[in-house]
Amino acid sequence: MTGLAVMENVRRYRTIASLCRQAAAFRPTQRHSLLAQAEQWEHLAVVELEGYFGASENVSFDFPIQALQRRETQWNAMAAIL
């Protein structure tokens, strides 16, 4: 599965979780059930991300190498201060 497909699935899962939480705000009698469903959808999103990044060792990120070098320099500068 491609990274774009994984991100689309994660977006969908989190959207459904958000809708469950919103519905829970307006349906007090179903609140616990809806919040449990939201938690399950969030869990699916995390599992999807972990499955993709854990199984794919050569994941290509869209960051240019210069951006990574700048970020490393920033971290080193912050570490030196601490």
N, C-alpha and C. Protein backbone atom coordinates (compact mmCIF):
# COMPACT_ATOMS: atom_id res chain seq x y z
N MET A 1 0.85 -1.17 0.00
CA MET A 1 0.00 0.00 0.00
C MET A 1 0.90 1.23 0.00
N THR A 2 0.55 2.21 -0.79
CA THR A 2 1.37 3.42 -0.89
C THR A 2 1.14 4.33 0.30
N GLY A 3 2.05 5.24 0.48
CA GLY A 3 1.95 6.20 1.57
C GLY A 3 0.71 7.07 1.46
N LEU A 4 0.33 7.42 0.23
CA LEU A 4 -0.86 8.25 0.04
C LEU A 4 -2.12 7.49 0.44
N ALA A 5 -2.18 6.21 0.12
CA ALA A 5 -3.34 5.40 0.50
C ALA A 5 -3.43 5.26 2.01
N VAL A 6 -2.29 5.08 2.64
CA VAL A 6 -2.26 4.97 4.11
C VAL A 6 -2.75 6.27 4.73
N MET A 7 -2.25 7.40 4.24
CA MET A 7 -2.66 8.68 4.81
C MET A 7 -4.14 8.95 4.57
N GLU A 8 -4.66 8.52 3.43
CA GLU A 8 -6.09 8.69 3.17
C GLU A 8 -6.91 7.85 4.14
N ASN A 9 -6.47 6.62 4.40
CA ASN A 9 -7.17 5.78 5.38
C ASN A 9 -7.12 6.41 6.77
N VAL A 10 -5.97 6.91 7.15
CA VAL A 10 -5.82 7.55 8.46
C VAL A 10 -6.73 8.77 8.55
N ARG A 11 -6.79 9.56 7.50
CA ARG A 11 -7.67 10.73 7.48
C ARG A 11 -9.12 10.31 7.66
N ARG A 12 -9.52 9.27 6.97
CA ARG A 12 -10.90 8.79 7.08
C ARG A 12 -11.21 8.28 8.48
N TYR A 13 -10.28 7.48 9.03
CA TYR A 13 -10.50 6.94 10.38
C TYR A 13 -10.64 8.06 11.40
N ARG A 14 -9.79 9.05 11.29
CA ARG A 14 -9.84 10.15 12.26
C ARG A 14 -11.05 11.04 12.05
N THR A 15 -11.52 11.14 10.82
CA THR A 15 -12.76 11.88 10.57
C THR A 15 -13.94 11.19 11.22
N ILE A 16 -14.00 9.87 11.08
CA ILE A 16 -15.08 9.11 11.70
C ILE A 16 -15.01 9.23 13.22
N ALA A 17 -13.82 9.18 13.76
CA ALA A 17 -13.65 9.33 15.21
C ALA A 17 -14.14 10.69 15.67
N SER A 18 -13.83 11.72 14.90
CA SER A 18 -14.29 13.06 15.24
C SER A 18 -15.81 13.15 15.20
N LEU A 19 -16.42 12.54 14.20
CA LEU A 19 -17.88 12.54 14.11
C LEU A 19 -18.51 11.81 15.29
N CYS A 20 -17.88 10.72 15.72
CA CYS A 20 -18.38 10.00 16.90
C CYS A 20 -18.33 10.88 18.14
N ARG A 21 -17.24 11.62 18.31
CA ARG A 21 -17.12 12.50 19.47
C ARG A 21 -18.14 13.64 19.41
N GLN A 22 -18.36 14.17 18.20
CA GLN A 22 -19.36 15.23 18.05
C GLN A 22 -20.76 14.71 18.37
N ALA A 23 -21.07 13.51 17.88
CA ALA A 23 -22.37 12.91 18.16
C ALA A 23 -22.54 12.66 19.65
N ALA A 24 -21.45 12.28 20.32
CA ALA A 24 -21.51 12.02 21.76
C ALA A 24 -21.89 13.28 22.53
N ALA A 25 -21.50 14.42 22.02
CA ALA A 25 -21.84 15.68 22.69
C ALA A 25 -23.34 15.97 22.64
N PHE A 26 -24.01 15.46 21.62
CA PHE A 26 -25.43 15.75 21.45
C PHE A 26 -26.34 14.58 21.83
N ARG A 27 -25.74 13.43 22.13
CA ARG A 27 -26.54 12.26 22.51
C ARG A 27 -26.03 11.70 23.84
N PRO A 28 -26.44 12.28 24.93
CA PRO A 28 -25.92 11.87 26.23
C PRO A 28 -26.20 10.41 26.59
N THR A 29 -27.31 9.87 26.09
CA THR A 29 -27.61 8.47 26.43
C THR A 29 -26.69 7.50 25.70
N GLN A 30 -26.14 7.90 24.57
CA GLN A 30 -25.24 7.05 23.81
C GLN A 30 -23.78 7.47 23.94
N ARG A 31 -23.52 8.38 24.85
CA ARG A 31 -22.20 9.00 24.98
C ARG A 31 -21.07 7.98 25.12
N HIS A 32 -21.23 7.05 26.05
CA HIS A 32 -20.16 6.08 26.31
C HIS A 32 -19.89 5.20 25.09
N SER A 33 -20.93 4.78 24.45
CA SER A 33 -20.78 3.94 23.26
C SER A 33 -20.09 4.70 22.13
N LEU A 34 -20.50 5.93 21.91
CA LEU A 34 -19.91 6.74 20.85
C LEU A 34 -18.45 7.07 21.13
N LEU A 35 -18.13 7.37 22.37
CA LEU A 35 -16.73 7.65 22.71
C LEU A 35 -15.87 6.39 22.58
N ALA A 36 -16.43 5.24 22.88
CA ALA A 36 -15.70 3.98 22.69
C ALA A 36 -15.45 3.74 21.20
N GLN A 37 -16.44 4.04 20.38
CA GLN A 37 -16.25 3.90 18.94
C GLN A 37 -15.19 4.86 18.43
N ALA A 38 -15.18 6.08 18.94
CA ALA A 38 -14.16 7.05 18.54
C ALA A 38 -12.77 6.54 18.90
N GLU A 39 -12.66 5.96 20.07
CA GLU A 39 -11.37 5.40 20.49
C GLU A 39 -10.93 4.27 19.56
N GLN A 40 -11.87 3.44 19.14
CA GLN A 40 -11.54 2.34 18.23
C GLN A 40 -11.06 2.87 16.87
N TRP A 41 -11.73 3.91 16.37
CA TRP A 41 -11.30 4.49 15.09
C TRP A 41 -9.92 5.12 15.19
N GLU A 42 -9.65 5.80 16.30
CA GLU A 42 -8.32 6.37 16.51
C GLU A 42 -7.26 5.27 16.57
N HIS A 43 -7.61 4.17 17.23
CA HIS A 43 -6.69 3.04 17.32
C HIS A 43 -6.39 2.48 15.93
N LEU A 44 -7.42 2.37 15.09
CA LEU A 44 -7.20 1.89 13.72
C LEU A 44 -6.26 2.82 12.95
N ALA A 45 -6.40 4.10 13.17
CA ALA A 45 -5.51 5.06 12.49
C ALA A 45 -4.06 4.84 12.92
N VAL A 46 -3.85 4.63 14.20
CA VAL A 46 -2.49 4.41 14.71
C VAL A 46 -1.93 3.10 14.17
N VAL A 47 -2.75 2.06 14.16
CA VAL A 47 -2.31 0.75 13.65
C VAL A 47 -1.93 0.87 12.17
N GLU A 48 -2.71 1.62 11.42
CA GLU A 48 -2.43 1.82 9.99
C GLU A 48 -1.07 2.51 9.81
N LEU A 49 -0.81 3.55 10.59
CA LEU A 49 0.47 4.26 10.50
C LEU A 49 1.63 3.38 10.95
N GLU A 50 1.45 2.69 12.06
CA GLU A 50 2.52 1.82 12.55
C GLU A 50 2.81 0.69 11.58
N GLY A 51 1.76 0.15 10.98
CA GLY A 51 1.94 -0.92 10.01
C GLY A 51 2.72 -0.47 8.79
N TYR A 52 2.44 0.73 8.33
CA TYR A 52 3.14 1.24 7.16
C TYR A 52 4.58 1.58 7.47
N PHE A 53 4.80 2.35 8.52
CA PHE A 53 6.16 2.78 8.82
C PHE A 53 6.99 1.67 9.43
N GLY A 54 6.37 0.72 10.10
CA GLY A 54 7.11 -0.40 10.66
C GLY A 54 7.49 -1.42 9.60
N ALA A 55 6.63 -1.63 8.62
CA ALA A 55 6.88 -2.65 7.61
C ALA A 55 7.74 -2.12 6.47
N SER A 56 7.76 -0.84 6.28
CA SER A 56 8.48 -0.25 5.17
C SER A 56 9.79 0.34 5.67
N GLU A 57 10.89 -0.33 5.36
CA GLU A 57 12.19 0.13 5.85
C GLU A 57 12.76 1.24 4.98
N ASN A 58 12.43 1.23 3.72
CA ASN A 58 12.98 2.27 2.85
C ASN A 58 11.87 3.24 2.45
N VAL A 59 11.29 3.86 3.47
CA VAL A 59 10.26 4.87 3.25
C VAL A 59 10.95 6.12 2.73
N SER A 60 10.44 6.67 1.66
CA SER A 60 11.03 7.89 1.14
C SER A 60 10.24 9.08 1.65
N PHE A 61 10.92 9.99 2.29
CA PHE A 61 10.29 11.20 2.78
C PHE A 61 10.47 12.28 1.74
N ASP A 62 9.59 13.24 1.75
CA ASP A 62 9.63 14.30 0.76
C ASP A 62 10.50 15.47 1.19
N PHE A 63 11.28 15.31 2.26
CA PHE A 63 12.12 16.40 2.72
C PHE A 63 13.41 16.44 1.91
N PRO A 64 13.78 17.60 1.43
CA PRO A 64 15.08 17.71 0.78
C PRO A 64 16.19 17.57 1.82
N ILE A 65 17.34 17.12 1.40
CA ILE A 65 18.46 16.86 2.31
C ILE A 65 18.89 18.13 3.03
N GLN A 66 18.77 19.30 2.38
CA GLN A 66 19.16 20.55 3.02
C GLN A 66 18.27 20.83 4.23
N ALA A 67 17.00 20.55 4.12
CA ALA A 67 16.08 20.78 5.24
C ALA A 67 16.44 19.87 6.41
N LEU A 68 16.82 18.64 6.11
CA LEU A 68 17.22 17.73 7.18
C LEU A 68 18.51 18.21 7.85
N GLN A 69 19.44 18.72 7.06
CA GLN A 69 20.69 19.22 7.63
C GLN A 69 20.44 20.45 8.50
N ARG A 70 19.55 21.35 8.06
CA ARG A 70 19.22 22.52 8.88
C ARG A 70 18.59 22.09 10.19
N ARG A 71 17.70 21.12 10.13
CA ARG A 71 17.03 20.66 11.34
C ARG A 71 18.04 20.04 12.30
N GLU A 72 18.98 19.27 11.77
CA GLU A 72 20.01 18.67 12.62
C GLU A 72 20.87 19.75 13.27
N THR A 73 21.19 20.79 12.52
CA THR A 73 21.96 21.90 13.06
C THR A 73 21.18 22.59 14.18
N GLN A 74 19.88 22.79 13.98
CA GLN A 74 19.06 23.41 15.01
C GLN A 74 19.03 22.57 16.28
N TRP A 75 18.88 21.26 16.12
CA TRP A 75 18.85 20.37 17.29
C TRP A 75 20.19 20.40 18.03
N ASN A 76 21.27 20.40 17.28
CA ASN A 76 22.59 20.44 17.92
C ASN A 76 22.79 21.75 18.67
N ALA A 77 22.31 22.86 18.11
CA ALA A 77 22.43 24.15 18.78
C ALA A 77 21.61 24.16 20.05
N MET A 78 20.40 23.61 20.00
CA MET A 78 19.56 23.57 21.20
C MET A 78 20.17 22.65 22.26
N ALA A 79 20.75 21.54 21.84
CA ALA A 79 21.36 20.62 22.77
C ALA A 79 22.58 21.26 23.46
N ALA A 80 23.31 22.09 22.73
CA ALA A 80 24.47 22.76 23.29
C ALA A 80 24.06 23.76 24.37
N ILE A 81 22.90 24.39 24.18
CA ILE A 81 22.40 25.35 25.15
C ILE A 81 22.01 24.65 26.44
N LEU A 82 21.39 23.48 26.32
CA LEU A 82 20.93 22.76 27.49
C LEU A 82 22.10 22.14 28.17
